[in-house]
Amino acid sequence: MLKTRAKYYLGQVVRHRKHPFRGVVFDVDPEFSNTDEWYEAIPEDSRPIKDQPFYHLLAENDQSYYVAYVSEQNLIADYSGEPVSHPDLDDMFGPFEDGAYPLHYALN
């Protein structure tokens, strides 16, 4: 039985530990659930362990908006109080309040 507990919650703003981007959590996998090809494209010395939560983020950096898939070990909570500007946020979340985004509805 898998006993992994996610550290971050849906609607929370997080940032990457190593790369200059931040985003809003919109889904969580209890362990790695992407393709082997995706995983092997990460340089071997930087590959995260698979047995940990992985987060789907509506992400942004200085140049673009995108969806990111990031291991828990590579994320930290973002306490800047600044909203994220991803154009898809309104599809899933309500207005930014108290440092996070409330869900419009429950997701599976």
C-alpha atoms as a PDB file:
ATOM      1  CA  MET A   1       0.000   0.000   0.000  1.00  0.00           C
ATOM      2  CA  LEU A   2       1.322   3.425  -0.992  1.00  0.00           C
ATOM      3  CA  LYS A   3       1.732   5.712   2.021  1.00  0.00           C
ATOM      4  CA  THR A   4       2.853   8.905   0.308  1.00  0.00           C
ATOM      5  CA  ARG A   5       1.389  12.173   1.532  1.00  0.00           C
ATOM      6  CA  ALA A   6       1.532  15.288  -0.615  1.00  0.00           C
ATOM      7  CA  LYS A   7       3.225  18.287   0.967  1.00  0.00           C
ATOM      8  CA  TYR A   8       1.530  20.858  -1.294  1.00  0.00           C
ATOM      9  CA  TYR A   9      -2.190  21.303  -1.960  1.00  0.00           C
ATOM     10  CA  LEU A  10      -4.364  22.153  -4.951  1.00  0.00           C
ATOM     11  CA  GLY A  11      -4.369  25.886  -5.553  1.00  0.00           C
ATOM     12  CA  GLN A  12      -1.108  26.487  -3.683  1.00  0.00           C
ATOM     13  CA  VAL A  13       1.559  28.683  -5.285  1.00  0.00           C
ATOM     14  CA  VAL A  14       4.969  26.990  -5.407  1.00  0.00           C
ATOM     15  CA  ARG A  15       8.326  27.614  -7.025  1.00  0.00           C
ATOM     16  CA  HIS A  16      11.062  25.365  -8.382  1.00  0.00           C
ATOM     17  CA  ARG A  17      14.172  24.986  -6.212  1.00  0.00           C
ATOM     18  CA  LYS A  18      16.630  25.105  -9.127  1.00  0.00           C
ATOM     19  CA  HIS A  19      14.892  26.697 -12.108  1.00  0.00           C
ATOM     20  CA  PRO A  20      13.364  30.184 -12.329  1.00  0.00           C
ATOM     21  CA  PHE A  21       9.662  29.396 -12.489  1.00  0.00           C
ATOM     22  CA  ARG A  22       6.654  29.248 -10.229  1.00  0.00           C
ATOM     23  CA  GLY A  23       3.150  27.934 -10.596  1.00  0.00           C
ATOM     24  CA  VAL A  24      -0.129  26.782  -9.105  1.00  0.00           C
ATOM     25  CA  VAL A  25      -0.708  23.130  -8.198  1.00  0.00           C
ATOM     26  CA  PHE A  26      -3.696  21.733 -10.108  1.00  0.00           C
ATOM     27  CA  ASP A  27      -3.124  17.985  -9.729  1.00  0.00           C
ATOM     28  CA  VAL A  28      -0.926  15.597  -7.731  1.00  0.00           C
ATOM     29  CA  ASP A  29       0.318  12.096  -8.528  1.00  0.00           C
ATOM     30  CA  PRO A  30       1.287  10.088  -5.404  1.00  0.00           C
ATOM     31  CA  GLU A  31       4.355   8.866  -7.293  1.00  0.00           C
ATOM     32  CA  PHE A  32       5.902   9.368 -10.730  1.00  0.00           C
ATOM     33  CA  SER A  33       3.283   8.797 -13.418  1.00  0.00           C
ATOM     34  CA  ASN A  34       4.754  10.094 -16.650  1.00  0.00           C
ATOM     35  CA  THR A  35       6.538   8.315 -19.498  1.00  0.00           C
ATOM     36  CA  ASP A  36       9.944   6.663 -19.259  1.00  0.00           C
ATOM     37  CA  GLU A  37      10.985   8.832 -22.191  1.00  0.00           C
ATOM     38  CA  TRP A  38      10.156  11.985 -20.211  1.00  0.00           C
ATOM     39  CA  TYR A  39      12.075  10.712 -17.180  1.00  0.00           C
ATOM     40  CA  GLU A  40      15.131   9.638 -19.176  1.00  0.00           C
ATOM     41  CA  ALA A  41      15.308  13.056 -20.863  1.00  0.00           C
ATOM     42  CA  ILE A  42      16.330  14.498 -17.471  1.00  0.00           C
ATOM     43  CA  PRO A  43      20.128  14.423 -16.999  1.00  0.00           C
ATOM     44  CA  GLU A  44      20.928  11.384 -14.855  1.00  0.00           C
ATOM     45  CA  ASP A  45      22.614  13.401 -12.101  1.00  0.00           C
ATOM     46  CA  SER A  46      19.462  15.568 -11.803  1.00  0.00           C
ATOM     47  CA  ARG A  47      16.750  12.886 -11.979  1.00  0.00           C
ATOM     48  CA  PRO A  48      14.440  12.907  -8.977  1.00  0.00           C
ATOM     49  CA  ILE A  49      13.445   9.674  -7.295  1.00  0.00           C
ATOM     50  CA  LYS A  50      10.167   8.274  -8.640  1.00  0.00           C
ATOM     51  CA  ASP A  51       8.733   7.220  -5.274  1.00  0.00           C
ATOM     52  CA  GLN A  52       7.460  10.641  -4.167  1.00  0.00           C
ATOM     53  CA  PRO A  53       4.577  12.942  -5.100  1.00  0.00           C
ATOM     54  CA  PHE A  54       4.776  14.683  -8.483  1.00  0.00           C
ATOM     55  CA  TYR A  55       2.818  17.878  -9.099  1.00  0.00           C
ATOM     56  CA  HIS A  56       1.105  19.255 -12.185  1.00  0.00           C
ATOM     57  CA  LEU A  57       1.529  23.024 -12.235  1.00  0.00           C
ATOM     58  CA  LEU A  58       0.110  25.895 -14.229  1.00  0.00           C
ATOM     59  CA  ALA A  59       3.563  27.421 -14.502  1.00  0.00           C
ATOM     60  CA  GLU A  60       5.082  30.696 -15.575  1.00  0.00           C
ATOM     61  CA  ASN A  61       8.510  32.211 -15.994  1.00  0.00           C
ATOM     62  CA  ASP A  62       9.656  35.556 -17.363  1.00  0.00           C
ATOM     63  CA  GLN A  63       9.008  34.436 -20.943  1.00  0.00           C
ATOM     64  CA  SER A  64       6.012  32.105 -21.097  1.00  0.00           C
ATOM     65  CA  TYR A  65       3.184  30.107 -19.549  1.00  0.00           C
ATOM     66  CA  TYR A  66       3.073  26.307 -19.626  1.00  0.00           C
ATOM     67  CA  VAL A  67       2.169  23.146 -17.715  1.00  0.00           C
ATOM     68  CA  ALA A  68       5.011  21.657 -15.652  1.00  0.00           C
ATOM     69  CA  TYR A  69       5.399  18.239 -14.006  1.00  0.00           C
ATOM     70  CA  VAL A  70       7.667  18.519 -10.968  1.00  0.00           C
ATOM     71  CA  SER A  71       8.793  16.221  -8.152  1.00  0.00           C
ATOM     72  CA  GLU A  72       8.101  17.259  -4.587  1.00  0.00           C
ATOM     73  CA  GLN A  73      11.842  17.376  -3.816  1.00  0.00           C
ATOM     74  CA  ASN A  74      12.241  20.154  -6.403  1.00  0.00           C
ATOM     75  CA  LEU A  75       9.492  22.431  -5.090  1.00  0.00           C
ATOM     76  CA  ILE A  76       9.239  24.967  -2.301  1.00  0.00           C
ATOM     77  CA  ALA A  77       6.219  26.967  -1.178  1.00  0.00           C
ATOM     78  CA  ASP A  78       6.047  30.489  -2.589  1.00  0.00           C
ATOM     79  CA  TYR A  79       5.254  32.995   0.161  1.00  0.00           C
ATOM     80  CA  SER A  80       5.743  36.107  -1.981  1.00  0.00           C
ATOM     81  CA  GLY A  81       2.032  36.913  -1.903  1.00  0.00           C
ATOM     82  CA  GLU A  82       2.199  37.604  -5.643  1.00  0.00           C
ATOM     83  CA  PRO A  83      -0.460  36.051  -7.894  1.00  0.00           C
ATOM     84  CA  VAL A  84       0.436  33.831 -10.852  1.00  0.00           C
ATOM     85  CA  SER A  85      -0.670  35.134 -14.258  1.00  0.00           C
ATOM     86  CA  HIS A  86      -1.184  31.841 -16.126  1.00  0.00           C
ATOM     87  CA  PRO A  87      -4.088  32.290 -18.595  1.00  0.00           C
ATOM     88  CA  ASP A  88      -5.714  28.931 -17.664  1.00  0.00           C
ATOM     89  CA  LEU A  89      -6.088  29.704 -13.952  1.00  0.00           C
ATOM     90  CA  ASP A  90      -9.638  31.038 -14.329  1.00  0.00           C
ATOM     91  CA  ASP A  91     -10.758  27.677 -15.778  1.00  0.00           C
ATOM     92  CA  MET A  92     -10.026  25.848 -12.513  1.00  0.00           C
ATOM     93  CA  PHE A  93      -9.671  28.367  -9.713  1.00  0.00           C
ATOM     94  CA  GLY A  94     -11.324  31.368  -8.165  1.00  0.00           C
ATOM     95  CA  PRO A  95      -9.576  34.700  -7.487  1.00  0.00           C
ATOM     96  CA  PHE A  96      -6.225  34.734  -5.679  1.00  0.00           C
ATOM     97  CA  GLU A  97      -6.758  35.140  -1.935  1.00  0.00           C
ATOM     98  CA  ASP A  98      -4.516  34.683   1.091  1.00  0.00           C
ATOM     99  CA  GLY A  99      -1.636  33.434  -1.062  1.00  0.00           C
ATOM    100  CA  ALA A 100      -3.557  30.659  -2.870  1.00  0.00           C
ATOM    101  CA  TYR A 101      -6.295  29.961  -5.391  1.00  0.00           C
ATOM    102  CA  PRO A 102      -9.566  28.304  -4.273  1.00  0.00           C
ATOM    103  CA  LEU A 103     -10.939  25.533  -6.505  1.00  0.00           C
ATOM    104  CA  HIS A 104     -14.066  26.302  -8.545  1.00  0.00           C
ATOM    105  CA  TYR A 105     -15.157  22.680  -8.112  1.00  0.00           C
ATOM    106  CA  ALA A 106     -13.788  19.359  -6.897  1.00  0.00           C
ATOM    107  CA  LEU A 107     -11.492  17.580  -9.352  1.00  0.00           C
ATOM    108  CA  ASN A 108     -11.095  13.793  -9.565  1.00  0.00           C
END
